[in-house]
Amino acid sequence: MDKAQINQAFIYIAAILVIGIIVFVAAKGWNVIFKTNCEVQKADFEKSIFASIDQYSDYGTVKEVSLLAPCDAVAVCFGDASVTNVNNDAADGGEIDDVIASNMNSGTANVFVKTKFTEALGLSAKVRVDNSVESDHVVCAKVKSSHIKLRFSGQGKTVTIEDAYS
């Protein structure tokens, strides 16, 4: 192997390393951008949900609202704020898992986003669930085409929330 072939092999190896580093850095950057975008979507969604709860609680107000769901969300769940004795029924195929049950029982949250995991968004004392439809005092609205469609029915100081797709 002569000197020219060694130099050429060295140049190929160096080029492959440089290209690999560029691809790695670009992938990490893309991940950071995507993660930041998801966090912004979640914050916007949370703000929109609580604004809608406040806005549509006037007596007699009925409004269907379509909201862009946060990244990876499969459902958004609302628990009746007047109920503090909720049982986990996820093992039986229900919507209430440990996170929802423990937060509602302790009174720390009643609005949740379900992704791979369930995450509490916050507490609104105005949220009510139609007990004639949902005997477990929790209603979950499924995400369809990256959106969630909710029906808000104002009761005066409270608002009843339903999945508008069902």
Protein backbone atom coordinates (compact mmCIF):
# COMPACT_ATOMS: atom_id res chain seq x y z
CA MET A 1 0.00 0.00 0.00
CA ASP A 2 1.58 3.23 -1.03
CA LYS A 3 1.39 6.63 0.62
CA ALA A 4 -1.37 7.95 -1.70
CA GLN A 5 -3.66 5.06 -0.87
CA ILE A 6 -3.12 5.58 2.88
CA ASN A 7 -3.93 9.30 2.54
CA GLN A 8 -7.05 8.51 0.52
CA ALA A 9 -8.24 5.96 3.12
CA PHE A 10 -7.62 8.51 5.87
CA ILE A 11 -9.66 11.14 4.00
CA TYR A 12 -12.59 8.70 3.56
CA ILE A 13 -12.56 7.79 7.26
CA ALA A 14 -12.39 11.46 8.29
CA ALA A 15 -15.26 12.35 5.92
CA ILE A 16 -17.41 9.53 7.30
CA LEU A 17 -16.74 10.69 10.87
CA VAL A 18 -17.58 14.32 10.06
CA ILE A 19 -20.79 13.33 8.28
CA GLY A 20 -21.74 11.07 11.20
CA ILE A 21 -21.20 13.88 13.69
CA ILE A 22 -23.29 16.28 11.59
CA VAL A 23 -26.15 13.77 11.35
CA PHE A 24 -25.99 13.09 15.11
CA VAL A 25 -26.05 16.80 16.01
CA ALA A 26 -28.90 17.45 13.56
CA ALA A 27 -30.95 14.58 15.01
CA LYS A 28 -30.45 15.86 18.56
CA GLY A 29 -31.44 19.36 17.45
CA TRP A 30 -34.58 18.04 15.77
CA ASN A 31 -35.48 16.16 18.95
CA VAL A 32 -35.12 19.32 21.04
CA ILE A 33 -37.27 21.31 18.60
CA PHE A 34 -39.97 18.60 18.55
CA LYS A 35 -39.98 18.31 22.35
CA THR A 36 -40.24 22.09 22.74
CA ASN A 37 -43.10 22.18 20.23
CA CYS A 38 -44.97 19.51 22.22
CA GLU A 39 -44.48 21.46 25.45
CA VAL A 40 -45.85 24.60 23.80
CA GLN A 41 -48.85 22.66 22.45
CA LYS A 42 -49.55 21.27 25.91
CA ALA A 43 -49.34 24.72 27.53
CA ASP A 44 -51.64 26.22 24.86
CA PHE A 45 -54.09 23.34 25.29
CA GLU A 46 -54.14 23.73 29.07
CA LYS A 47 -54.75 27.47 28.75
CA SER A 48 -57.57 26.89 26.21
CA ILE A 49 -59.28 24.22 28.33
CA PHE A 50 -59.41 26.33 31.48
CA ALA A 51 -60.44 29.45 29.51
CA SER A 52 -63.30 27.48 27.92
CA ILE A 53 -64.42 26.17 31.31
CA ASP A 54 -64.58 29.73 32.65
CA GLN A 55 -66.08 31.22 29.48
CA TYR A 56 -68.93 28.74 29.00
CA SER A 57 -70.14 28.32 32.60
CA ASP A 58 -72.90 30.96 32.26
CA TYR A 59 -76.35 29.45 32.75
CA GLY A 60 -77.88 28.22 29.51
CA THR A 61 -74.70 28.47 27.45
CA VAL A 62 -74.11 25.45 25.22
CA LYS A 63 -71.02 25.50 23.06
CA GLU A 64 -69.08 22.88 21.12
CA VAL A 65 -65.38 23.62 20.95
CA SER A 66 -62.71 21.87 18.89
CA LEU A 67 -59.19 22.16 20.31
CA LEU A 68 -55.82 21.02 18.99
CA ALA A 69 -54.70 18.23 21.31
CA PRO A 70 -51.16 18.09 22.69
CA CYS A 71 -48.62 15.76 21.05
CA ASP A 72 -49.23 12.06 21.68
CA ALA A 73 -52.51 12.71 23.52
CA VAL A 74 -55.08 9.95 23.11
CA ALA A 75 -57.76 11.35 25.43
CA VAL A 76 -58.58 14.19 27.79
CA CYS A 77 -60.46 13.35 30.96
CA PHE A 78 -62.56 15.51 33.26
CA GLY A 79 -63.65 14.56 36.73
CA ASP A 80 -66.64 15.99 38.54
CA ALA A 81 -65.22 18.49 41.05
CA SER A 82 -67.97 17.71 43.56
CA VAL A 83 -66.87 14.07 43.84
CA THR A 84 -63.92 13.01 46.01
CA ASN A 85 -64.49 9.28 46.26
CA VAL A 86 -63.38 7.77 42.96
CA ASN A 87 -62.24 4.18 42.42
CA ASN A 88 -59.66 2.94 39.91
CA ASP A 89 -61.48 0.96 37.21
CA ALA A 90 -58.69 0.73 34.62
CA ALA A 91 -58.24 -2.98 35.30
CA ASP A 92 -61.85 -3.51 34.20
CA GLY A 93 -61.36 -1.51 31.00
CA GLY A 94 -62.56 1.78 32.48
CA GLU A 95 -61.06 5.24 32.05
CA ILE A 96 -60.05 5.87 35.68
CA ASP A 97 -56.46 4.90 36.44
CA ASP A 98 -54.38 5.46 39.59
CA VAL A 99 -53.40 9.02 38.60
CA ILE A 100 -57.00 10.13 38.05
CA ALA A 101 -58.31 8.37 41.17
CA SER A 102 -55.59 9.64 43.51
CA ASN A 103 -55.74 13.24 42.24
CA MET A 104 -59.52 13.40 42.40
CA ASN A 105 -59.67 11.78 45.83
CA SER A 106 -57.10 14.25 47.18
CA GLY A 107 -58.75 17.19 45.40
CA THR A 108 -55.55 18.24 43.61
CA ALA A 109 -56.69 17.82 39.98
CA ASN A 110 -59.73 16.93 37.92
CA VAL A 111 -58.52 17.68 34.37
CA PHE A 112 -56.16 15.12 32.82
CA VAL A 113 -54.39 14.35 29.54
CA LYS A 114 -53.79 10.72 28.66
CA THR A 115 -50.73 9.88 26.56
CA LYS A 116 -48.59 6.84 27.32
CA PHE A 117 -49.15 8.01 30.87
CA THR A 118 -51.88 10.06 32.50
CA GLU A 119 -50.87 13.58 33.43
CA ALA A 120 -52.84 15.96 35.65
CA LEU A 121 -53.37 19.40 34.11
CA GLY A 122 -55.06 21.08 37.03
CA LEU A 123 -58.14 21.62 39.12
CA SER A 124 -61.31 23.50 38.23
CA ALA A 125 -64.11 23.63 40.78
CA LYS A 126 -66.54 24.44 37.94
CA VAL A 127 -66.30 21.05 36.20
CA ARG A 128 -69.31 18.75 36.41
CA VAL A 129 -70.02 15.45 34.67
CA ASP A 130 -73.52 14.31 33.71
CA ASN A 131 -74.05 11.51 36.24
CA SER A 132 -76.95 10.06 34.25
CA VAL A 133 -74.45 9.23 31.50
CA GLU A 134 -71.21 8.75 33.44
CA SER A 135 -71.85 6.91 36.70
CA ASP A 136 -68.14 6.96 37.57
CA HIS A 137 -68.07 10.81 37.61
CA VAL A 138 -65.32 10.97 34.97
CA VAL A 139 -65.74 11.63 31.26
CA CYS A 140 -62.92 11.09 28.78
CA ALA A 141 -62.98 12.56 25.30
CA LYS A 142 -60.95 10.72 22.69
CA VAL A 143 -58.59 12.60 20.39
CA LYS A 144 -59.50 12.27 16.72
CA SER A 145 -57.29 13.66 13.95
CA SER A 146 -55.19 15.57 16.50
CA HIS A 147 -58.27 17.39 17.80
CA ILE A 148 -60.62 17.02 20.69
CA LYS A 149 -64.21 18.18 20.43
CA LEU A 150 -65.99 19.08 23.67
CA ARG A 151 -69.51 20.25 24.49
CA PHE A 152 -69.72 22.75 27.33
CA SER A 153 -73.13 23.27 28.96
CA GLY A 154 -73.24 26.20 31.37
CA GLN A 155 -75.06 25.63 34.65
CA GLY A 156 -74.38 29.02 36.23
CA LYS A 157 -71.43 28.57 38.55
CA THR A 158 -70.49 25.22 36.99
CA VAL A 159 -70.17 23.70 33.52
CA THR A 160 -71.01 20.19 32.38
CA ILE A 161 -68.47 18.79 29.92
CA GLU A 162 -69.16 16.04 27.39
CA ASP A 163 -67.35 14.46 24.47
CA ALA A 164 -68.99 16.10 21.44
CA TYR A 165 -67.91 13.22 19.18
CA SER A 166 -70.06 10.68 21.02
